[in-house]
Amino acid sequence: MHECGQAEFGDGRLAQRLMTTVTALAEHPNGSLPEAAGRWSRLKGKYRFFDNARVGADRILLSHRKATVGRIKGHRVVLAVQDTTTLSFSTHDEAEDLGPIGSDYTRGFFLHSSLALDTTGMPLGLLTVRFWARDTGEPQTPRDPESRRWAQTVHEVREIVPRDTRVVVIGDRESDIFPVFAQAQADGCDVLVRATHNRKLQGEWPDLAAAAASAPLLGTTEMVLPRGRERQERVATLALHAKEIVLPAPAAHRGRYPNPVRLSVVCAYELEPPQGETPVGWILLTTLDVPGAQEAAAFVRWYTFRWRIERFHYTLKSGCNIERLQLQTRRRLENAIAVYC
């Protein structure tokens, strides 16, 4: 199989086991491991594979990542959408090494993925996958190690994608943290993030809200808005505004990222939404230049592709039922989920 044939475990039998496991699960994507294995002897082999010391999520996904890079070659620009999802195993009381994933007694761990797309939104494959569990249920802040995943993914994606391809890393409001912009500037790639903070700015405008309010109108565009939690898919007419801003380094990050970052703020406001519908209003921050309405429309459209990564995580959980896996340790669960990925 093209997606598994380049796996490197130091043992050809393990590579063969990966291919047979992926094949079995592809034929029964929403079934359990026993249903996919068919016979007990085959099931025992899969369990031994997930527990083997030479097997890990990174090695399982390495062959697929190589295939993804192969599909990226030839693209002048590629998008990398990133997001985090929680994996709950609270009904699996015997599983080891789990942690809290919410404010209650829910136990499990986290999955953070980045998915490569072309500029039409067509998926090309996964670039990065990261698992982790919390030791405590304390809330995280942008300075916590857990929150560094957004900037780390920017760096890792730039390292994976061929240098002759321009890469734009796209994230939701949780990734609106200064290290994401600074890391992109340091690595020579681009980011496109939905703003959530009214940041202080350097220069003419005191803060982001003032700059966004003063951004000149570039034009309008029609766009398909993807289905959201409180919105059905619809075609909307959006007014597009854009302006250049300079974001100074916050005191908490000046040790690692001392320099200010030059960004563009792109605002998309829905005109005449359907009766009873809340109009869309997005403020996006990007390292990309926005010389006119055509570029602004393209970048807003790229942002709508962020929902692809949410659908990927939804498919893993609701289609492949990965939260029903009954493996005994987090390591085995991570290896199994990497195979599903």
Protein backbone atom coordinates (compact mmCIF):
# COMPACT_ATOMS: atom_id res chain seq x y z
CA MET A 1 0.00 0.00 0.00
CA HIS A 2 1.30 3.43 -0.98
CA GLU A 3 0.47 4.97 2.42
CA CYS A 4 2.22 2.23 4.45
CA GLY A 5 4.89 0.76 2.16
CA GLN A 6 7.66 3.09 3.39
CA ALA A 7 7.19 2.28 7.09
CA GLU A 8 10.48 1.85 8.97
CA PHE A 9 10.38 -0.26 12.16
CA GLY A 10 13.68 -2.09 11.74
CA ASP A 11 11.69 -5.27 11.18
CA GLY A 12 9.95 -6.10 7.91
CA ARG A 13 7.37 -8.18 9.73
CA LEU A 14 6.15 -5.10 11.60
CA ALA A 15 5.80 -3.18 8.34
CA GLN A 16 3.76 -6.06 6.93
CA ARG A 17 1.63 -6.10 10.08
CA LEU A 18 0.91 -2.38 9.65
CA MET A 19 -0.26 -2.93 6.07
CA THR A 20 -2.54 -5.84 7.00
CA THR A 21 -3.96 -3.88 9.95
CA VAL A 22 -4.68 -0.78 7.85
CA THR A 23 -6.28 -2.99 5.18
CA ALA A 24 -8.50 -4.73 7.74
CA LEU A 25 -9.60 -1.47 9.35
CA ALA A 26 -10.24 0.14 5.95
CA GLU A 27 -12.66 -2.70 5.19
CA HIS A 28 -14.44 -2.26 8.57
CA PRO A 29 -13.87 1.45 9.42
CA ASN A 30 -16.70 1.71 11.96
CA GLY A 31 -16.28 -1.77 13.45
CA SER A 32 -14.27 -2.84 16.49
CA LEU A 33 -10.77 -4.29 16.34
CA PRO A 34 -12.11 -7.85 16.86
CA GLU A 35 -14.56 -7.34 13.99
CA ALA A 36 -11.78 -6.07 11.74
CA ALA A 37 -9.35 -8.84 12.74
CA GLY A 38 -11.80 -11.61 12.00
CA ARG A 39 -9.92 -14.38 13.83
CA TRP A 40 -8.44 -14.47 17.35
CA SER A 41 -4.96 -15.24 16.02
CA ARG A 42 -5.10 -12.13 13.86
CA LEU A 43 -6.42 -10.05 16.75
CA LYS A 44 -3.58 -11.16 19.02
CA GLY A 45 -1.14 -10.12 16.30
CA LYS A 46 -2.65 -6.64 16.18
CA TYR A 47 -2.48 -6.28 19.95
CA ARG A 48 1.19 -7.32 19.91
CA PHE A 49 1.82 -4.77 17.15
CA PHE A 50 0.34 -1.91 19.20
CA ASP A 51 2.46 -2.98 22.20
CA ASN A 52 5.75 -3.54 20.39
CA ALA A 53 8.60 -1.34 21.66
CA ARG A 54 9.68 -0.57 18.07
CA VAL A 55 6.23 0.75 17.19
CA GLY A 56 5.17 4.31 17.94
CA ALA A 57 2.69 6.79 16.52
CA ASP A 58 5.42 8.76 14.70
CA ARG A 59 6.80 5.64 13.01
CA ILE A 60 3.32 4.44 12.10
CA LEU A 61 2.56 7.75 10.40
CA LEU A 62 6.00 8.28 8.81
CA SER A 63 5.14 6.41 5.61
CA HIS A 64 1.87 8.30 5.20
CA ARG A 65 3.70 11.59 5.80
CA LYS A 66 6.16 10.73 3.02
CA ALA A 67 3.23 10.00 0.72
CA THR A 68 1.66 13.33 1.73
CA VAL A 69 4.88 15.18 0.87
CA GLY A 70 4.85 13.44 -2.49
CA ARG A 71 1.38 14.79 -3.18
CA ILE A 72 2.46 18.27 -2.07
CA LYS A 73 5.29 18.43 -4.60
CA GLY A 74 4.32 20.51 -7.58
CA HIS A 75 1.96 22.75 -5.56
CA ARG A 76 3.11 26.35 -5.39
CA VAL A 77 1.09 26.95 -2.20
CA VAL A 78 -0.21 24.43 0.32
CA LEU A 79 -2.44 25.05 3.34
CA ALA A 80 -1.92 23.30 6.69
CA VAL A 81 -4.95 23.42 8.98
CA GLN A 82 -4.34 22.55 12.63
CA ASP A 83 -6.65 21.83 15.55
CA THR A 84 -6.98 19.90 18.82
CA THR A 85 -9.64 17.40 19.87
CA THR A 86 -10.27 15.57 23.15
CA LEU A 87 -10.44 11.78 23.29
CA SER A 88 -12.59 10.47 26.12
CA PHE A 89 -12.07 6.99 27.60
CA SER A 90 -13.98 7.45 30.86
CA THR A 91 -15.95 4.24 30.28
CA HIS A 92 -12.68 2.31 29.94
CA ASP A 93 -11.80 2.14 33.64
CA GLU A 94 -8.83 -0.22 33.19
CA ALA A 95 -6.87 1.96 30.76
CA GLU A 96 -3.60 3.31 32.18
CA ASP A 97 -1.86 6.69 31.89
CA LEU A 98 -4.96 8.74 31.11
CA GLY A 99 -5.55 12.24 32.46
CA PRO A 100 -8.36 14.74 32.99
CA ILE A 101 -9.71 16.36 29.83
CA GLY A 102 -12.42 18.58 31.29
CA SER A 103 -13.79 20.16 34.44
CA ASP A 104 -15.48 16.95 35.59
CA TYR A 105 -14.10 13.43 36.02
CA THR A 106 -13.77 12.75 32.30
CA ARG A 107 -10.54 10.86 31.58
CA GLY A 108 -8.63 10.58 28.33
CA PHE A 109 -6.03 12.49 26.38
CA PHE A 110 -5.65 14.99 23.54
CA LEU A 111 -4.95 14.74 19.81
CA HIS A 112 -3.52 17.68 17.87
CA SER A 113 -3.30 17.27 14.10
CA SER A 114 -2.31 19.27 11.05
CA LEU A 115 -3.78 18.39 7.67
CA ALA A 116 -2.35 19.50 4.32
CA LEU A 117 -4.78 20.87 1.72
CA ASP A 118 -4.36 22.37 -1.69
CA THR A 119 -5.76 25.86 -2.27
CA THR A 120 -9.11 24.43 -3.41
CA GLY A 121 -9.52 22.67 -0.05
CA MET A 122 -8.66 19.17 -1.32
CA PRO A 123 -6.96 17.12 1.45
CA LEU A 124 -3.46 15.91 0.62
CA GLY A 125 -2.72 14.08 3.88
CA LEU A 126 -1.61 14.50 7.47
CA LEU A 127 1.57 16.41 8.29
CA THR A 128 1.76 16.17 12.09
CA VAL A 129 -0.03 14.30 14.86
CA ARG A 130 0.64 14.87 18.56
CA PHE A 131 -0.86 13.12 21.60
CA TRP A 132 -0.61 14.20 25.23
CA ALA A 133 -2.36 13.81 28.58
CA ARG A 134 -2.65 16.29 31.42
CA ASP A 135 -1.35 15.57 34.90
CA THR A 136 -3.93 17.87 36.47
CA GLY A 137 -7.21 19.47 35.52
CA GLU A 138 -5.86 23.00 35.89
CA PRO A 139 -6.80 25.34 33.00
CA GLN A 140 -4.05 26.20 30.55
CA THR A 141 -2.82 29.67 29.55
CA PRO A 142 -0.87 30.80 26.46
CA ARG A 143 2.37 30.54 28.47
CA ASP A 144 1.80 26.92 29.50
CA PRO A 145 3.78 24.18 27.70
CA GLU A 146 0.53 22.69 26.39
CA SER A 147 -0.30 25.88 24.50
CA ARG A 148 3.05 25.78 22.72
CA ARG A 149 1.67 23.11 20.41
CA TRP A 150 0.35 25.79 18.04
CA ALA A 151 3.76 27.37 17.42
CA GLN A 152 5.53 24.00 17.48
CA THR A 153 3.22 22.77 14.74
CA VAL A 154 4.07 25.85 12.63
CA HIS A 155 7.76 24.97 12.95
CA GLU A 156 7.25 21.24 12.27
CA VAL A 157 5.07 21.88 9.23
CA ARG A 158 7.68 24.20 7.72
CA GLU A 159 10.32 21.51 8.27
CA ILE A 160 8.18 18.83 6.55
CA VAL A 161 6.84 20.74 3.54
CA PRO A 162 9.38 21.11 0.69
CA ARG A 163 11.05 24.51 0.69
CA ASP A 164 9.93 25.35 -2.83
CA THR A 165 6.29 25.18 -1.68
CA ARG A 166 4.84 28.11 0.23
CA VAL A 167 2.98 26.91 3.30
CA VAL A 168 0.18 28.75 5.11
CA VAL A 169 -0.72 27.35 8.55
CA ILE A 170 -4.36 28.01 9.46
CA GLY A 171 -5.82 27.92 12.97
CA ASP A 172 -8.87 28.90 14.97
CA ARG A 173 -9.08 31.47 17.75
CA GLU A 174 -7.18 29.29 20.25
CA SER A 175 -4.09 29.69 18.09
CA ASP A 176 -4.23 33.50 18.32
CA ILE A 177 -1.07 33.71 20.41
CA PHE A 178 2.04 35.76 19.70
CA PRO A 179 4.46 32.78 19.39
CA VAL A 180 2.49 31.50 16.39
CA PHE A 181 3.13 34.72 14.44
CA ALA A 182 6.72 35.03 15.63
CA GLN A 183 7.53 31.40 14.82
CA ALA A 184 6.14 31.79 11.31
CA GLN A 185 8.28 34.90 10.84
CA ALA A 186 11.36 33.03 12.08
CA ASP A 187 10.73 29.96 9.90
CA GLY A 188 9.83 31.79 6.71
CA CYS A 189 6.29 30.51 6.39
CA ASP A 190 2.85 32.10 6.73
CA VAL A 191 -0.06 31.83 9.14
CA LEU A 192 -3.74 32.70 8.93
CA VAL A 193 -5.53 32.84 12.29
CA ARG A 194 -8.89 34.06 13.49
CA ALA A 195 -8.37 36.82 16.04
CA THR A 196 -9.73 36.48 19.57
CA HIS A 197 -7.73 39.10 21.50
CA ASN A 198 -7.97 42.88 21.21
CA ARG A 199 -4.22 43.33 21.13
CA LYS A 200 -2.20 46.45 21.73
CA LEU A 201 -0.47 47.55 18.55
CA GLN A 202 2.65 49.47 17.65
CA GLY A 203 2.25 52.53 15.46
CA GLU A 204 -0.76 54.53 14.35
CA TRP A 205 -3.54 52.55 16.02
CA PRO A 206 -3.64 51.79 19.75
CA ASP A 207 -5.24 48.36 19.47
CA LEU A 208 -6.57 45.77 17.07
CA ALA A 209 -10.20 46.85 17.44
CA ALA A 210 -9.36 50.39 16.35
CA ALA A 211 -7.29 49.16 13.40
CA ALA A 212 -10.05 46.79 12.26
CA ALA A 213 -12.66 49.54 12.51
CA SER A 214 -10.53 51.82 10.32
CA ALA A 215 -9.60 49.20 7.70
CA PRO A 216 -10.69 50.41 4.25
CA LEU A 217 -13.25 48.53 2.19
CA LEU A 218 -11.58 46.56 -0.61
CA GLY A 219 -14.70 45.07 -2.16
CA THR A 220 -17.23 42.28 -1.71
CA THR A 221 -17.31 38.58 -2.52
CA GLU A 222 -19.78 35.70 -2.47
CA MET A 223 -18.68 32.68 -0.50
CA VAL A 224 -20.09 29.38 0.76
CA LEU A 225 -20.07 29.49 4.56
CA PRO A 226 -19.52 26.00 5.97
CA ARG A 227 -21.96 24.52 8.43
CA GLY A 228 -21.24 25.51 12.04
CA ARG A 229 -22.55 24.63 15.45
CA GLU A 230 -25.35 27.18 15.11
CA ARG A 231 -25.35 27.73 11.35
CA GLN A 232 -26.45 25.80 8.30
CA GLU A 233 -24.29 25.97 5.20
CA ARG A 234 -25.23 28.96 3.06
CA VAL A 235 -23.94 31.34 0.40
CA ALA A 236 -23.12 34.74 1.85
CA THR A 237 -22.06 38.10 0.46
CA LEU A 238 -19.11 39.40 2.48
CA ALA A 239 -17.67 42.90 2.66
CA LEU A 240 -13.87 42.72 2.76
CA HIS A 241 -11.63 45.14 4.63
CA ALA A 242 -7.86 44.94 5.22
CA LYS A 243 -5.08 46.92 6.85
CA GLU A 244 -1.42 46.40 7.80
CA ILE A 245 -0.56 46.40 11.51
CA VAL A 246 2.52 45.87 13.69
CA LEU A 247 2.21 43.57 16.68
CA PRO A 248 4.80 44.21 19.42
CA ALA A 249 6.16 41.30 21.42
CA PRO A 250 4.33 40.90 24.76
CA ALA A 251 6.57 41.03 27.82
CA ALA A 252 5.94 37.35 28.57
CA HIS A 253 7.44 36.29 25.22
CA ARG A 254 10.26 38.79 24.67
CA GLY A 255 12.92 36.38 25.90
CA ARG A 256 12.35 33.99 22.98
CA TYR A 257 10.60 36.28 20.48
CA PRO A 258 11.93 39.84 21.02
CA ASN A 259 10.97 41.36 17.66
CA PRO A 260 7.63 42.85 16.61
CA VAL A 261 5.69 41.10 13.86
CA ARG A 262 4.17 42.81 10.82
CA LEU A 263 0.73 41.42 9.99
CA SER A 264 -2.33 42.12 7.90
CA VAL A 265 -5.75 42.26 9.53
CA VAL A 266 -8.50 41.04 7.19
CA CYS A 267 -12.13 41.65 8.13
CA ALA A 268 -15.05 39.83 6.51
CA TYR A 269 -18.55 41.06 7.40
CA GLU A 270 -21.70 39.43 6.04
CA LEU A 271 -24.15 41.70 4.23
CA GLU A 272 -27.88 40.99 4.46
CA PRO A 273 -27.87 37.59 6.20
CA PRO A 274 -31.04 35.43 6.05
CA GLN A 275 -33.77 36.42 8.47
CA GLY A 276 -33.14 34.98 11.89
CA GLU A 277 -29.48 34.17 11.15
CA THR A 278 -26.56 35.81 12.95
CA PRO A 279 -24.36 37.62 10.41
CA VAL A 280 -20.83 36.32 10.07
CA GLY A 281 -18.11 38.67 11.22
CA TRP A 282 -14.54 37.40 11.05
CA ILE A 283 -11.36 39.26 11.91
CA LEU A 284 -8.37 37.35 10.60
CA LEU A 285 -4.67 37.94 11.24
CA THR A 286 -2.13 36.85 8.67
CA THR A 287 1.51 37.24 7.72
CA LEU A 288 0.37 37.33 4.07
CA ASP A 289 0.25 40.61 2.14
CA VAL A 290 -3.25 41.75 1.14
CA PRO A 291 -2.89 44.17 -1.79
CA GLY A 292 -6.50 43.99 -2.90
CA ALA A 293 -9.96 42.43 -2.79
CA GLN A 294 -8.95 39.36 -4.79
CA GLU A 295 -6.30 38.35 -2.27
CA ALA A 296 -8.55 39.15 0.70
CA ALA A 297 -11.30 36.96 -0.76
CA ALA A 298 -8.85 34.10 -1.34
CA PHE A 299 -7.54 34.25 2.23
CA VAL A 300 -11.03 34.31 3.74
CA ARG A 301 -11.95 31.32 1.57
CA TRP A 302 -8.81 29.52 2.78
CA TYR A 303 -9.90 30.16 6.36
CA THR A 304 -13.23 28.41 5.69
CA PHE A 305 -11.21 25.27 4.89
CA ARG A 306 -10.23 25.10 8.57
CA TRP A 307 -13.37 23.04 9.11
CA ARG A 308 -11.71 20.18 7.20
CA ILE A 309 -9.62 19.31 10.27
CA GLU A 310 -12.70 19.35 12.49
CA ARG A 311 -14.41 16.93 10.10
CA PHE A 312 -11.33 14.71 10.17
CA HIS A 313 -11.45 14.51 13.98
CA TYR A 314 -15.22 13.99 13.86
CA THR A 315 -14.76 11.09 11.43
CA LEU A 316 -12.20 9.45 13.71
CA LYS A 317 -14.53 9.66 16.70
CA SER A 318 -18.00 9.20 15.24
CA GLY A 319 -17.14 7.22 12.11
CA CYS A 320 -14.26 5.03 13.26
CA ASN A 321 -15.38 4.97 16.93
CA ILE A 322 -11.83 5.31 18.26
CA GLU A 323 -13.11 6.27 21.74
CA ARG A 324 -14.51 2.74 22.05
CA LEU A 325 -11.09 1.10 21.78
CA GLN A 326 -10.46 -1.22 24.75
CA LEU A 327 -6.65 -1.28 24.74
CA GLN A 328 -5.09 -1.24 28.19
CA THR A 329 -2.57 1.62 28.03
CA ARG A 330 -2.43 5.09 26.52
CA ARG A 331 0.56 4.05 24.41
CA ARG A 332 -1.40 1.21 22.80
CA LEU A 333 -4.36 3.53 22.28
CA GLU A 334 -2.13 6.14 20.62
CA ASN A 335 -0.62 3.54 18.29
CA ALA A 336 -4.05 2.24 17.32
CA ILE A 337 -5.37 5.76 16.69
CA ALA A 338 -2.30 6.54 14.54
CA VAL A 339 -3.26 3.54 12.38
CA TYR A 340 -6.81 4.90 12.04
CA CYS A 341 -5.34 8.29 11.10
